[in-house]
Amino acid sequence: MDNSGKEKEAIQLMAEADKKVKSSGSFLGGMFGGNHKIEDACEMYARAANMFKMAKNWSAAGNAFCQAARLHMQMQNKLDAATSFVDAGNAYKKADPQEAINCLNAAIDIYTDMGRFTIAAKHHMTIAEVYESELVDIEKAIAHYEQAADYYKGEESNSSANKCLLKVGFYCAQLEQYPKAIEIFEQVATSTMDNPLLKYNAKEYFWKASLCHFIVDELNAKLAIEKYESMFPAFSDSRECKLLKKLLEAHEEQNSEAFTEAVKEFDSISRLDQWQTTMLLRIKKTIQGDAGDLK
C-alpha cells in the first residue's frame, strides 16, 4: 500500500503546528488563547507522527512525537509528555537507537519525578534491550537492568526484579565478572526456593552459580555445591548437581575425556544452551593440556 500521500499530509500538519506554536508566543497570541493554540499544535504533531509511522518514516515520526512531548512539558502536562517521549522512543527504535534511548530517558525522568517507579523500571528494561541488540554495549545494558531491578524491588515486584537480575548475572559471567555473577545467582535462587510457584527454578540458578564458582576455583565450587545442597535439598537430586559432581571428579583427576563424556551424557537428555556451553568450556580449559572443546 502506497502511503506517500500520508507523508505529505504529515509534513503539512507539521508546518501548521509550527505556525500555531509561533503565533502562541506572540503578544496577541498570548492574549487570545495561547495555551489553546499549544494544545492544538500538540494534537497536530501527534497526528503527523502517526501518519509518518504509516509511511514508515520512523525518524520523522520520532521527531514529531518529541515536538508534542516538549509542548506538553511547557504546559506542565507531565503524564502526556512522558507518553509522547515513549512514543518517540518506540518510533526511533526502528531508525536511530541512540535517539530512542534519549527519549526513553526523558520519559523515565518524568516518571521517577512523579513516583511511578514500576513504569520507569519497564523503560529501563527497554533501554537495556536496545543496548543489547542494537548498540551492543553490554556494560550499559547491565547498568539499566540493575536500575530496573532496583526500582522493581522498591515496588515489591520481586519477580520482575529477579528477571532483570538474571540478565545481569548472565552478562557478568560472560564478561568474566564471576564474583558479581555468583552473588546475583545465589540471591535469586534464595529468593525463589521458598516460593511454591518458583522453587523449581532455584536449582537452575544454583547450577549457574556453581559453574561460575568452578571457573574461579575448584575447591570453592565443591564447598558451594555442598552449601546449596544443604540450603535446598532438591538440588541434590537434580541432574545438574549430579553432573557437577562428575565434573569435579574429572577435574581433580585432570581427566578431560571423562569431563567431556559427562557433559555429552547430560546434553543428550537436557540440551545445554550457549551460555552453559561457554561456561563448561572455560572450566574444561583449566584441565592441564586440554585443547578446549566439548565434542
Protein backbone atom coordinates (compact mmCIF):
# COMPACT_ATOMS: atom_id res chain seq x y z
CA MET A 1 0.00 0.00 0.00
CA ASP A 2 1.36 3.43 -1.03
CA ASN A 3 1.44 5.75 1.97
CA SER A 4 3.34 8.59 0.30
CA GLY A 5 0.17 10.70 0.50
CA LYS A 6 0.19 10.21 4.28
CA GLU A 7 3.76 11.51 4.46
CA LYS A 8 2.85 14.65 2.50
CA GLU A 9 -0.15 15.19 4.75
CA ALA A 10 2.06 14.74 7.81
CA ILE A 11 4.58 17.32 6.55
CA GLN A 12 1.73 19.79 6.01
CA LEU A 13 0.39 19.14 9.52
CA MET A 14 3.86 19.71 11.00
CA ALA A 15 4.07 23.07 9.21
CA GLU A 16 0.64 24.10 10.54
CA ALA A 17 1.60 23.02 14.06
CA ASP A 18 4.84 25.04 13.83
CA LYS A 19 2.81 28.13 12.85
CA LYS A 20 0.47 27.66 15.82
CA VAL A 21 3.42 27.39 18.21
CA LYS A 22 5.00 30.57 16.82
CA SER A 23 1.75 32.55 16.96
CA SER A 24 1.07 31.39 20.54
CA GLY A 25 4.26 33.11 21.65
CA SER A 26 3.39 36.49 20.19
CA PHE A 27 1.83 39.26 22.29
CA LEU A 28 -1.56 38.95 20.59
CA GLY A 29 -1.34 35.15 20.62
CA GLY A 30 -0.78 35.23 24.38
CA MET A 31 -3.81 37.47 24.85
CA PHE A 32 -6.07 35.41 22.61
CA GLY A 33 -5.77 31.74 23.64
CA GLY A 34 -2.03 31.00 23.52
CA ASN A 35 -2.48 27.79 25.52
CA HIS A 36 -5.32 26.66 23.29
CA LYS A 37 -3.03 27.03 20.27
CA ILE A 38 -0.33 24.97 22.01
CA GLU A 39 -2.86 22.22 22.71
CA ASP A 40 -3.92 22.25 19.05
CA ALA A 41 -0.28 22.07 17.99
CA CYS A 42 0.29 19.05 20.29
CA GLU A 43 -2.60 17.24 18.68
CA MET A 44 -1.31 18.09 15.19
CA TYR A 45 2.21 16.84 15.98
CA ALA A 46 0.75 13.57 17.30
CA ARG A 47 -1.43 13.12 14.22
CA ALA A 48 1.54 13.88 11.98
CA ALA A 49 3.65 11.35 13.91
CA ASN A 50 1.09 8.61 13.31
CA MET A 51 0.96 9.44 9.60
CA PHE A 52 4.75 9.27 9.42
CA LYS A 53 4.50 5.85 11.10
CA MET A 54 2.09 4.69 8.41
CA ALA A 55 4.61 5.86 5.81
CA LYS A 56 7.36 4.04 7.76
CA ASN A 57 9.33 7.26 8.17
CA TRP A 58 10.38 6.39 11.71
CA SER A 59 12.78 9.28 12.30
CA ALA A 60 10.17 11.84 11.26
CA ALA A 61 7.60 10.10 13.49
CA GLY A 62 10.01 10.20 16.43
CA ASN A 63 10.72 13.88 15.86
CA ALA A 64 7.00 14.73 15.69
CA PHE A 65 6.28 12.88 18.95
CA CYS A 66 9.24 14.73 20.55
CA GLN A 67 7.77 18.07 19.48
CA ALA A 68 4.48 17.12 21.12
CA ALA A 69 6.31 15.98 24.28
CA ARG A 70 8.15 19.29 24.63
CA LEU A 71 4.93 21.26 24.30
CA HIS A 72 3.24 19.07 26.92
CA MET A 73 6.16 19.82 29.25
CA GLN A 74 5.75 23.52 28.55
CA MET A 75 2.12 23.24 29.66
CA GLN A 76 3.10 21.11 32.72
CA ASN A 77 1.19 18.10 31.34
CA LYS A 78 3.80 15.68 32.67
CA LEU A 79 1.97 12.42 32.03
CA ASP A 80 1.18 13.38 28.42
CA ALA A 81 4.79 14.47 27.94
CA ALA A 82 6.10 11.14 29.23
CA THR A 83 3.69 9.21 26.99
CA SER A 84 4.82 11.23 23.96
CA PHE A 85 8.51 10.65 24.79
CA VAL A 86 7.82 6.90 24.98
CA ASP A 87 6.00 7.02 21.62
CA ALA A 88 9.00 8.89 20.21
CA GLY A 89 11.37 6.29 21.62
CA ASN A 90 9.39 3.43 20.11
CA ALA A 91 9.47 5.11 16.69
CA TYR A 92 13.18 5.95 16.89
CA LYS A 93 13.99 2.33 17.86
CA LYS A 94 13.44 1.42 14.22
CA ALA A 95 15.79 4.09 12.84
CA ASP A 96 18.02 5.71 15.47
CA PRO A 97 18.65 3.57 18.59
CA GLN A 98 20.62 6.27 20.44
CA GLU A 99 17.85 8.82 19.93
CA ALA A 100 15.36 6.19 21.15
CA ILE A 101 17.39 5.88 24.36
CA ASN A 102 17.46 9.67 24.79
CA CYS A 103 13.66 9.85 24.50
CA LEU A 104 13.08 6.93 26.89
CA ASN A 105 15.46 8.51 29.42
CA ALA A 106 13.44 11.73 29.19
CA ALA A 107 10.27 9.74 29.92
CA ILE A 108 11.98 7.95 32.84
CA ASP A 109 12.97 11.30 34.39
CA ILE A 110 9.32 12.36 34.36
CA TYR A 111 8.00 9.05 35.73
CA THR A 112 10.52 8.93 38.59
CA ASP A 113 9.74 12.56 39.44
CA MET A 114 6.08 11.50 39.69
CA GLY A 115 6.95 8.47 41.83
CA ARG A 116 5.91 5.97 39.16
CA PHE A 117 8.85 3.63 39.57
CA THR A 118 7.30 0.48 38.09
CA ILE A 119 6.78 2.08 34.69
CA ALA A 120 10.23 3.72 34.92
CA ALA A 121 11.71 0.24 35.52
CA LYS A 122 9.91 -1.09 32.43
CA HIS A 123 11.50 1.61 30.27
CA HIS A 124 14.95 0.95 31.78
CA MET A 125 14.47 -2.65 30.59
CA THR A 126 13.62 -1.40 27.10
CA ILE A 127 16.78 0.73 27.05
CA ALA A 128 18.82 -2.27 28.22
CA GLU A 129 17.37 -4.32 25.34
CA VAL A 130 18.33 -1.60 22.84
CA TYR A 131 21.90 -1.63 24.19
CA GLU A 132 21.91 -5.44 23.94
CA SER A 133 20.56 -5.91 20.45
CA GLU A 134 21.15 -2.66 18.56
CA LEU A 135 24.16 -0.87 20.06
CA VAL A 136 25.86 -3.98 21.51
CA ASP A 137 27.08 -2.17 24.62
CA ILE A 138 26.73 -4.84 27.30
CA GLU A 139 28.13 -2.73 30.16
CA LYS A 140 25.40 -0.11 29.59
CA ALA A 141 22.76 -2.83 29.24
CA ILE A 142 23.86 -4.21 32.63
CA ALA A 143 23.57 -0.75 34.24
CA HIS A 144 19.99 -0.32 33.01
CA TYR A 145 18.96 -3.85 34.05
CA GLU A 146 20.38 -3.13 37.52
CA GLN A 147 18.46 0.15 37.75
CA ALA A 148 15.27 -1.58 36.64
CA ALA A 149 15.80 -4.28 39.28
CA ASP A 150 16.28 -1.62 41.99
CA TYR A 151 13.03 0.11 41.05
CA TYR A 152 11.10 -3.17 40.85
CA LYS A 153 12.42 -4.22 44.27
CA GLY A 154 11.37 -0.90 45.75
CA GLU A 155 7.85 -1.52 44.47
CA GLU A 156 7.83 -5.14 45.78
CA SER A 157 7.77 -6.52 42.21
CA ASN A 158 10.26 -9.23 43.11
CA SER A 159 9.57 -11.49 40.14
CA SER A 160 10.30 -8.65 37.69
CA ALA A 161 13.36 -7.64 39.73
CA ASN A 162 14.71 -11.19 39.54
CA LYS A 163 14.17 -11.29 35.77
CA CYS A 164 16.40 -8.21 35.44
CA LEU A 165 18.98 -9.52 37.91
CA LEU A 166 19.30 -12.80 35.99
CA LYS A 167 20.18 -10.80 32.89
CA VAL A 168 22.87 -9.01 34.92
CA GLY A 169 24.22 -12.32 36.23
CA PHE A 170 24.22 -13.84 32.74
CA TYR A 171 26.23 -10.96 31.29
CA CYS A 172 28.58 -10.59 34.27
CA ALA A 173 29.55 -14.24 33.85
CA GLN A 174 30.11 -13.71 30.12
CA LEU A 175 32.35 -10.74 30.93
CA GLU A 176 34.21 -12.91 33.49
CA GLN A 177 32.94 -10.84 36.43
CA TYR A 178 32.35 -14.07 38.34
CA PRO A 179 32.02 -12.85 41.96
CA LYS A 180 29.21 -10.49 40.97
CA ALA A 181 27.53 -13.19 38.84
CA ILE A 182 27.72 -15.68 41.75
CA GLU A 183 26.23 -13.17 44.16
CA ILE A 184 23.30 -12.50 41.82
CA PHE A 185 22.56 -16.15 41.00
CA GLU A 186 22.67 -17.05 44.73
CA GLN A 187 20.43 -14.11 45.60
CA VAL A 188 17.80 -15.06 43.00
CA ALA A 189 17.98 -18.76 43.93
CA THR A 190 17.47 -17.96 47.62
CA SER A 191 14.51 -15.69 46.87
CA THR A 192 12.79 -18.33 44.70
CA MET A 193 13.43 -21.55 46.64
CA ASP A 194 10.79 -20.75 49.29
CA ASN A 195 8.17 -19.79 46.72
CA PRO A 196 5.93 -22.78 45.88
CA LEU A 197 5.40 -21.50 42.34
CA LEU A 198 9.03 -20.66 41.60
CA LYS A 199 11.11 -23.08 43.70
CA TYR A 200 11.61 -25.46 40.76
CA ASN A 201 13.73 -22.72 39.11
CA ALA A 202 16.05 -22.40 42.11
CA LYS A 203 18.12 -25.43 41.03
CA GLU A 204 18.87 -23.70 37.71
CA TYR A 205 20.23 -20.63 39.49
CA PHE A 206 22.31 -22.71 41.92
CA TRP A 207 23.65 -24.61 38.91
CA LYS A 208 24.70 -21.35 37.23
CA ALA A 209 26.32 -20.07 40.42
CA SER A 210 28.19 -23.39 40.72
CA LEU A 211 29.56 -23.11 37.18
CA CYS A 212 30.88 -19.62 37.94
CA HIS A 213 32.47 -20.90 41.17
CA PHE A 214 34.03 -23.80 39.26
CA ILE A 215 35.74 -21.48 36.75
CA VAL A 216 37.28 -19.45 39.58
CA ASP A 217 38.34 -22.27 41.90
CA GLU A 218 37.62 -26.00 42.11
CA LEU A 219 37.63 -26.12 45.92
CA ASN A 220 35.25 -23.15 46.15
CA ALA A 221 32.93 -24.94 43.73
CA LYS A 222 32.92 -28.07 45.90
CA LEU A 223 32.13 -26.06 49.05
CA ALA A 224 29.46 -24.02 47.25
CA ILE A 225 27.70 -27.14 45.95
CA GLU A 226 27.65 -28.60 49.48
CA LYS A 227 26.18 -25.33 50.77
CA TYR A 228 23.49 -25.30 48.05
CA GLU A 229 22.54 -28.91 48.79
CA SER A 230 22.16 -28.01 52.46
CA MET A 231 20.09 -24.90 51.69
CA PHE A 232 17.93 -26.58 49.03
CA PRO A 233 17.85 -30.39 49.33
CA ALA A 234 16.03 -30.74 45.99
CA PHE A 235 19.24 -29.53 44.32
CA SER A 236 20.98 -32.78 45.37
CA ASP A 237 18.61 -34.86 43.25
CA SER A 238 18.92 -32.66 40.18
CA ARG A 239 20.75 -33.82 37.07
CA GLU A 240 22.73 -30.56 37.20
CA CYS A 241 24.11 -31.35 40.66
CA LYS A 242 25.00 -34.89 39.65
CA LEU A 243 26.81 -33.55 36.59
CA LEU A 244 28.73 -31.05 38.71
CA LYS A 245 29.98 -33.84 40.96
CA LYS A 246 31.14 -35.88 37.96
CA LEU A 247 32.91 -32.81 36.56
CA LEU A 248 34.60 -32.13 39.90
CA GLU A 249 35.88 -35.72 39.96
CA ALA A 250 37.14 -35.48 36.36
CA HIS A 251 38.77 -32.14 37.12
CA GLU A 252 40.53 -33.48 40.23
CA GLU A 253 41.91 -36.34 38.15
CA GLN A 254 42.77 -33.92 35.29
CA ASN A 255 40.80 -36.27 33.04
CA SER A 256 39.47 -34.23 30.13
CA GLU A 257 37.94 -37.30 28.45
CA ALA A 258 35.81 -38.10 31.50
CA PHE A 259 34.83 -34.42 31.69
CA THR A 260 33.70 -34.42 28.03
CA GLU A 261 31.87 -37.73 28.40
CA ALA A 262 29.89 -36.45 31.41
CA VAL A 263 28.88 -33.30 29.53
CA LYS A 264 27.86 -35.29 26.41
CA GLU A 265 25.73 -37.65 28.51
CA PHE A 266 23.95 -34.72 30.18
CA ASP A 267 23.46 -32.89 26.87
CA SER A 268 21.88 -35.95 25.24
CA ILE A 269 18.94 -35.64 27.68
CA SER A 270 18.90 -31.95 28.63
CA ARG A 271 20.23 -29.72 25.87
CA LEU A 272 22.85 -27.24 27.04
CA ASP A 273 22.36 -23.67 25.86
CA GLN A 274 25.14 -21.45 24.50
CA TRP A 275 25.83 -19.77 27.87
CA GLN A 276 26.17 -23.11 29.72
CA THR A 277 28.39 -24.50 26.95
CA THR A 278 30.65 -21.43 27.16
CA MET A 279 30.99 -21.78 30.94
CA LEU A 280 31.74 -25.51 30.70
CA LEU A 281 34.38 -24.88 28.05
CA ARG A 282 36.05 -22.34 30.32
CA ILE A 283 36.12 -24.93 33.12
CA LYS A 284 37.47 -27.63 30.80
CA LYS A 285 40.29 -25.37 29.64
CA THR A 286 41.62 -25.34 33.21
CA ILE A 287 42.40 -29.06 32.90
CA GLN A 288 46.10 -29.37 32.04
CA GLY A 289 46.81 -30.00 28.39
CA ASP A 290 43.17 -29.65 27.35
CA ALA A 291 42.53 -28.33 23.84
CA GLY A 292 39.21 -26.87 24.89
CA ASP A 293 36.22 -28.39 23.12
CA LEU A 294 33.25 -30.45 24.30
CA LYS A 295 32.84 -32.67 21.25
